[in-house]
């Protein structure tokens, strides 16, 4: 996957970075950041769902799929 998106030189740069203190901190926090990001996305979707459902129902009625 990395070879698809990064050059060899860039991968070496990433490896150098991840050997630093900041890189080690980034590695340690990645699971936390991913979990927090997923939770934020879920909360956003829950807040948007009523608006989306209303818009979808309106569109389906306009197009004759729902009476």
PDB file of N, CA and C in Angstrom:
ATOM      1  N   UNK A   1       0.817  -1.187   0.000  1.00  0.00           N
ATOM      2  CA  UNK A   1       0.000   0.000   0.000  1.00  0.00           C
ATOM      3  C   UNK A   1       0.866   1.257   0.000  1.00  0.00           C
ATOM      4  N   UNK A   2       1.904   1.241   0.796  1.00  0.00           N
ATOM      5  CA  UNK A   2       2.753   2.419   0.871  1.00  0.00           C
ATOM      6  C   UNK A   2       3.424   2.693  -0.466  1.00  0.00           C
ATOM      7  N   UNK A   3       3.840   1.648  -1.172  1.00  0.00           N
ATOM      8  CA  UNK A   3       4.502   1.833  -2.458  1.00  0.00           C
ATOM      9  C   UNK A   3       3.562   2.464  -3.481  1.00  0.00           C
ATOM     10  N   UNK A   4       2.279   2.268  -3.303  1.00  0.00           N
ATOM     11  CA  UNK A   4       1.293   2.843  -4.209  1.00  0.00           C
ATOM     12  C   UNK A   4       1.194   4.364  -4.035  1.00  0.00           C
ATOM     13  N   UNK A   5       1.433   4.845  -2.827  1.00  0.00           N
ATOM     14  CA  UNK A   5       1.201   6.253  -2.523  1.00  0.00           C
ATOM     15  C   UNK A   5       2.458   7.055  -2.191  1.00  0.00           C
ATOM     16  N   UNK A   6       3.545   6.352  -1.891  1.00  0.00           N
ATOM     17  CA  UNK A   6       4.779   7.025  -1.479  1.00  0.00           C
ATOM     18  C   UNK A   6       5.958   6.520  -2.289  1.00  0.00           C
ATOM     19  N   UNK A   7       6.906   7.410  -2.553  1.00  0.00           N
ATOM     20  CA  UNK A   7       8.154   6.996  -3.192  1.00  0.00           C
ATOM     21  C   UNK A   7       9.036   6.325  -2.135  1.00  0.00           C
ATOM     22  N   UNK A   8      10.098   5.682  -2.579  1.00  0.00           N
ATOM     23  CA  UNK A   8      11.050   5.063  -1.647  1.00  0.00           C
ATOM     24  C   UNK A   8      11.641   6.104  -0.694  1.00  0.00           C
ATOM     25  N   UNK A   9      11.960   7.243  -1.255  1.00  0.00           N
ATOM     26  CA  UNK A   9      12.541   8.325  -0.450  1.00  0.00           C
ATOM     27  C   UNK A   9      11.537   8.797   0.614  1.00  0.00           C
ATOM     28  N   UNK A  10      10.273   8.896   0.235  1.00  0.00           N
ATOM     29  CA  UNK A  10       9.251   9.313   1.200  1.00  0.00           C
ATOM     30  C   UNK A  10       9.064   8.286   2.308  1.00  0.00           C
ATOM     31  N   UNK A  11       9.095   7.004   1.962  1.00  0.00           N
ATOM     32  CA  UNK A  11       8.982   5.948   2.981  1.00  0.00           C
ATOM     33  C   UNK A  11      10.157   6.033   3.943  1.00  0.00           C
ATOM     34  N   UNK A  12      11.350   6.267   3.404  1.00  0.00           N
ATOM     35  CA  UNK A  12      12.517   6.422   4.283  1.00  0.00           C
ATOM     36  C   UNK A  12      12.331   7.624   5.219  1.00  0.00           C
ATOM     37  N   UNK A  13      11.774   8.709   4.694  1.00  0.00           N
ATOM     38  CA  UNK A  13      11.495   9.877   5.514  1.00  0.00           C
ATOM     39  C   UNK A  13      10.487   9.584   6.610  1.00  0.00           C
ATOM     40  N   UNK A  14       9.458   8.807   6.256  1.00  0.00           N
ATOM     41  CA  UNK A  14       8.475   8.404   7.266  1.00  0.00           C
ATOM     42  C   UNK A  14       9.123   7.556   8.352  1.00  0.00           C
ATOM     43  N   UNK A  15       9.953   6.619   7.934  1.00  0.00           N
ATOM     44  CA  UNK A  15      10.641   5.773   8.916  1.00  0.00           C
ATOM     45  C   UNK A  15      11.523   6.612   9.835  1.00  0.00           C
ATOM     46  N   UNK A  16      12.222   7.583   9.261  1.00  0.00           N
ATOM     47  CA  UNK A  16      13.038   8.478  10.086  1.00  0.00           C
ATOM     48  C   UNK A  16      12.160   9.231  11.079  1.00  0.00           C
ATOM     49  N   UNK A  17      11.033   9.740  10.593  1.00  0.00           N
ATOM     50  CA  UNK A  17      10.122  10.477  11.466  1.00  0.00           C
ATOM     51  C   UNK A  17       9.606   9.598  12.603  1.00  0.00           C
ATOM     52  N   UNK A  18       9.168   8.394  12.260  1.00  0.00           N
ATOM     53  CA  UNK A  18       8.578   7.525  13.288  1.00  0.00           C
ATOM     54  C   UNK A  18       9.601   7.046  14.315  1.00  0.00           C
ATOM     55  N   UNK A  19      10.867   7.259  14.039  1.00  0.00           N
ATOM     56  CA  UNK A  19      11.909   6.939  15.032  1.00  0.00           C
ATOM     57  C   UNK A  19      12.123   8.091  16.020  1.00  0.00           C
ATOM     58  N   UNK A  20      11.568   9.265  15.711  1.00  0.00           N
ATOM     59  CA  UNK A  20      11.729  10.415  16.608  1.00  0.00           C
ATOM     60  C   UNK A  20      10.734  10.325  17.762  1.00  0.00           C
ATOM     61  N   UNK A  21      10.938  11.157  18.777  1.00  0.00           N
ATOM     62  CA  UNK A  21       9.992  11.197  19.894  1.00  0.00           C
ATOM     63  C   UNK A  21       8.588  11.576  19.422  1.00  0.00           C
ATOM     64  N   UNK A  22       8.514  12.577  18.544  1.00  0.00           N
ATOM     65  CA  UNK A  22       7.214  12.989  18.023  1.00  0.00           C
ATOM     66  C   UNK A  22       6.579  11.860  17.205  1.00  0.00           C
ATOM     67  N   UNK A  23       7.377  11.177  16.414  1.00  0.00           N
ATOM     68  CA  UNK A  23       6.874  10.050  15.641  1.00  0.00           C
ATOM     69  C   UNK A  23       6.348   8.942  16.533  1.00  0.00           C
ATOM     70  N   UNK A  24       7.059   8.668  17.612  1.00  0.00           N
ATOM     71  CA  UNK A  24       6.614   7.655  18.565  1.00  0.00           C
ATOM     72  C   UNK A  24       5.301   8.069  19.231  1.00  0.00           C
ATOM     73  N   UNK A  25       5.185   9.367  19.532  1.00  0.00           N
ATOM     74  CA  UNK A  25       3.933   9.867  20.111  1.00  0.00           C
ATOM     75  C   UNK A  25       2.798   9.706  19.102  1.00  0.00           C
ATOM     76  N   UNK A  26       3.065  10.029  17.841  1.00  0.00           N
ATOM     77  CA  UNK A  26       2.049   9.896  16.799  1.00  0.00           C
ATOM     78  C   UNK A  26       1.589   8.444  16.680  1.00  0.00           C
ATOM     79  N   UNK A  27       2.522   7.511  16.707  1.00  0.00           N
ATOM     80  CA  UNK A  27       2.179   6.083  16.641  1.00  0.00           C
ATOM     81  C   UNK A  27       1.295   5.698  17.819  1.00  0.00           C
ATOM     82  N   UNK A  28       1.670   6.144  19.007  1.00  0.00           N
ATOM     83  CA  UNK A  28       0.920   5.790  20.213  1.00  0.00           C
ATOM     84  C   UNK A  28      -0.493   6.370  20.196  1.00  0.00           C
ATOM     85  N   UNK A  29      -0.647   7.558  19.607  1.00  0.00           N
ATOM     86  CA  UNK A  29      -1.954   8.221  19.621  1.00  0.00           C
ATOM     87  C   UNK A  29      -2.849   7.870  18.435  1.00  0.00           C
ATOM     88  N   UNK A  30      -2.317   7.216  17.418  1.00  0.00           N
ATOM     89  CA  UNK A  30      -3.120   6.904  16.234  1.00  0.00           C
ATOM     90  C   UNK A  30      -4.405   6.140  16.561  1.00  0.00           C
ATOM     91  N   UNK A  31      -4.368   5.107  17.394  1.00  0.00           N
ATOM     92  CA  UNK A  31      -5.631   4.414  17.712  1.00  0.00           C
ATOM     93  C   UNK A  31      -6.635   5.323  18.423  1.00  0.00           C
ATOM     94  N   UNK A  32      -6.150   6.176  19.304  1.00  0.00           N
ATOM     95  CA  UNK A  32      -7.031   7.108  20.024  1.00  0.00           C
ATOM     96  C   UNK A  32      -7.646   8.095  19.038  1.00  0.00           C
ATOM     97  N   UNK A  33      -6.818   8.655  18.149  1.00  0.00           N
ATOM     98  CA  UNK A  33      -7.314   9.614  17.160  1.00  0.00           C
ATOM     99  C   UNK A  33      -8.324   8.961  16.221  1.00  0.00           C
ATOM    100  N   UNK A  34      -8.062   7.733  15.820  1.00  0.00           N
ATOM    101  CA  UNK A  34      -8.998   7.024  14.939  1.00  0.00           C
ATOM    102  C   UNK A  34     -10.328   6.797  15.650  1.00  0.00           C
ATOM    103  N   UNK A  35     -10.272   6.401  16.906  1.00  0.00           N
ATOM    104  CA  UNK A  35     -11.494   6.166  17.683  1.00  0.00           C
ATOM    105  C   UNK A  35     -12.268   7.468  17.876  1.00  0.00           C
ATOM    106  N   UNK A  36     -11.576   8.550  18.226  1.00  0.00           N
ATOM    107  CA  UNK A  36     -12.241   9.838  18.410  1.00  0.00           C
ATOM    108  C   UNK A  36     -12.831  10.345  17.088  1.00  0.00           C
ATOM    109  N   UNK A  37     -12.112  10.131  16.002  1.00  0.00           N
ATOM    110  CA  UNK A  37     -12.619  10.544  14.690  1.00  0.00           C
ATOM    111  C   UNK A  37     -13.865   9.769  14.303  1.00  0.00           C
ATOM    112  N   UNK A  38     -13.869   8.476  14.566  1.00  0.00           N
ATOM    113  CA  UNK A  38     -15.041   7.655  14.263  1.00  0.00           C
ATOM    114  C   UNK A  38     -16.235   8.098  15.100  1.00  0.00           C
ATOM    115  N   UNK A  39     -15.998   8.381  16.373  1.00  0.00           N
ATOM    116  CA  UNK A  39     -17.081   8.833  17.252  1.00  0.00           C
ATOM    117  C   UNK A  39     -17.634  10.173  16.783  1.00  0.00           C
ATOM    118  N   UNK A  40     -16.750  11.082  16.380  1.00  0.00           N
ATOM    119  CA  UNK A  40     -17.192  12.391  15.889  1.00  0.00           C
ATOM    120  C   UNK A  40     -18.013  12.229  14.611  1.00  0.00           C
ATOM    121  N   UNK A  41     -17.592  11.350  13.727  1.00  0.00           N
ATOM    122  CA  UNK A  41     -18.334  11.100  12.499  1.00  0.00           C
ATOM    123  C   UNK A  41     -19.701  10.503  12.773  1.00  0.00           C
ATOM    124  N   UNK A  42     -19.758   9.607  13.730  1.00  0.00           N
ATOM    125  CA  UNK A  42     -21.035   8.983  14.107  1.00  0.00           C
ATOM    126  C   UNK A  42     -21.986  10.028  14.696  1.00  0.00           C
ATOM    127  N   UNK A  43     -21.466  10.897  15.562  1.00  0.00           N
ATOM    128  CA  UNK A  43     -22.302  11.953  16.148  1.00  0.00           C
ATOM    129  C   UNK A  43     -22.805  12.910  15.074  1.00  0.00           C
ATOM    130  N   UNK A  44     -21.939  13.260  14.138  1.00  0.00           N
ATOM    131  CA  UNK A  44     -22.339  14.145  13.050  1.00  0.00           C
ATOM    132  C   UNK A  44     -23.461  13.498  12.234  1.00  0.00           C
ATOM    133  N   UNK A  45     -23.296  12.217  11.902  1.00  0.00           N
ATOM    134  CA  UNK A  45     -24.306  11.511  11.110  1.00  0.00           C
ATOM    135  C   UNK A  45     -25.639  11.448  11.860  1.00  0.00           C
ATOM    136  N   UNK A  46     -25.595  11.195  13.154  1.00  0.00           N
ATOM    137  CA  UNK A  46     -26.826  11.155  13.947  1.00  0.00           C
ATOM    138  C   UNK A  46     -27.531  12.513  13.938  1.00  0.00           C
ATOM    139  N   UNK A  47     -26.767  13.596  14.023  1.00  0.00           N
ATOM    140  CA  UNK A  47     -27.370  14.935  14.001  1.00  0.00           C
ATOM    141  C   UNK A  47     -27.956  15.263  12.628  1.00  0.00           C
ATOM    142  N   UNK A  48     -27.341  14.764  11.573  1.00  0.00           N
ATOM    143  CA  UNK A  48     -27.782  15.078  10.214  1.00  0.00           C
ATOM    144  C   UNK A  48     -28.916  14.182   9.728  1.00  0.00           C
ATOM    145  N   UNK A  49     -29.098  13.022  10.358  1.00  0.00           N
ATOM    146  CA  UNK A  49     -30.054  12.031   9.857  1.00  0.00           C
ATOM    147  C   UNK A  49     -31.478  12.570   9.729  1.00  0.00           C
ATOM    148  N   UNK A  50     -32.016  13.332  10.685  1.00  0.00           N
ATOM    149  CA  UNK A  50     -33.382  13.835  10.481  1.00  0.00           C
ATOM    150  C   UNK A  50     -33.505  14.706   9.226  1.00  0.00           C
ATOM    151  N   UNK A  51     -32.527  15.568   8.994  1.00  0.00           N
ATOM    152  CA  UNK A  51     -32.559  16.422   7.807  1.00  0.00           C
ATOM    153  C   UNK A  51     -32.448  15.589   6.529  1.00  0.00           C
ATOM    154  N   UNK A  52     -31.579  14.611   6.560  1.00  0.00           N
ATOM    155  CA  UNK A  52     -31.387  13.752   5.390  1.00  0.00           C
ATOM    156  C   UNK A  52     -32.643  12.940   5.114  1.00  0.00           C
ATOM    157  N   UNK A  53     -33.255  12.383   6.164  1.00  0.00           N
ATOM    158  CA  UNK A  53     -34.469  11.583   6.001  1.00  0.00           C
ATOM    159  C   UNK A  53     -35.604  12.434   5.434  1.00  0.00           C
ATOM    160  N   UNK A  54     -35.736  13.663   5.925  1.00  0.00           N
ATOM    161  CA  UNK A  54     -36.777  14.562   5.423  1.00  0.00           C
ATOM    162  C   UNK A  54     -36.546  14.885   3.950  1.00  0.00           C
ATOM    163  N   UNK A  55     -35.325  15.189   3.596  1.00  0.00           N
ATOM    164  CA  UNK A  55     -35.002  15.500   2.200  1.00  0.00           C
ATOM    165  C   UNK A  55     -35.236  14.291   1.303  1.00  0.00           C
ATOM    166  N   UNK A  56     -34.861  13.117   1.779  1.00  0.00           N
ATOM    167  CA  UNK A  56     -35.052  11.900   0.988  1.00  0.00           C
ATOM    168  C   UNK A  56     -36.535  11.613   0.793  1.00  0.00           C
ATOM    169  N   UNK A  57     -37.309  11.714   1.862  1.00  0.00           N
ATOM    170  CA  UNK A  57     -38.750  11.461   1.757  1.00  0.00           C
ATOM    171  C   UNK A  57     -39.394  12.447   0.797  1.00  0.00           C
ATOM    172  N   UNK A  58     -39.007  13.703   0.866  1.00  0.00           N
ATOM    173  CA  UNK A  58     -39.543  14.715  -0.040  1.00  0.00           C
ATOM    174  C   UNK A  58     -39.213  14.384  -1.489  1.00  0.00           C
ATOM    175  N   UNK A  59     -37.993  13.991  -1.710  1.00  0.00           N
ATOM    176  CA  UNK A  59     -37.565  13.646  -3.081  1.00  0.00           C
ATOM    177  C   UNK A  59     -38.316  12.422  -3.595  1.00  0.00           C
ATOM    178  N   UNK A  60     -38.481  11.421  -2.745  1.00  0.00           N
ATOM    179  CA  UNK A  60     -39.205  10.215  -3.152  1.00  0.00           C
ATOM    180  C   UNK A  60     -40.665  10.534  -3.466  1.00  0.00           C
ATOM    181  N   UNK A  61     -41.266  11.432  -2.702  1.00  0.00           N
ATOM    182  CA  UNK A  61     -42.650  11.845  -2.982  1.00  0.00           C
ATOM    183  C   UNK A  61     -42.718  12.616  -4.291  1.00  0.00           C
ATOM    184  N   UNK A  62     -41.794  13.529  -4.498  1.00  0.00           N
ATOM    185  CA  UNK A  62     -41.754  14.321  -5.726  1.00  0.00           C
ATOM    186  C   UNK A  62     -41.637  13.415  -6.944  1.00  0.00           C
ATOM    187  N   UNK A  63     -40.874  12.355  -6.833  1.00  0.00           N
ATOM    188  CA  UNK A  63     -40.646  11.464  -7.960  1.00  0.00           C
ATOM    189  C   UNK A  63     -41.684  10.338  -8.028  1.00  0.00           C
ATOM    190  N   UNK A  64     -42.643  10.344  -7.106  1.00  0.00           N
ATOM    191  CA  UNK A  64     -43.743   9.385  -7.168  1.00  0.00           C
ATOM    192  C   UNK A  64     -43.446   8.018  -6.593  1.00  0.00           C
ATOM    193  N   UNK A  65     -42.395   7.876  -5.838  1.00  0.00           N
ATOM    194  CA  UNK A  65     -42.072   6.582  -5.261  1.00  0.00           C
ATOM    195  C   UNK A  65     -42.789   6.355  -3.931  1.00  0.00           C
ATOM    196  N   UNK A  66     -43.202   7.439  -3.279  1.00  0.00           N
ATOM    197  CA  UNK A  66     -43.898   7.363  -1.989  1.00  0.00           C
ATOM    198  C   UNK A  66     -45.105   8.276  -2.078  1.00  0.00           C
ATOM    199  N   UNK A  67     -46.219   7.810  -1.521  1.00  0.00           N
ATOM    200  CA  UNK A  67     -47.450   8.629  -1.565  1.00  0.00           C
ATOM    201  C   UNK A  67     -47.553   9.481  -0.340  1.00  0.00           C
TER     202      UNK A  67
END
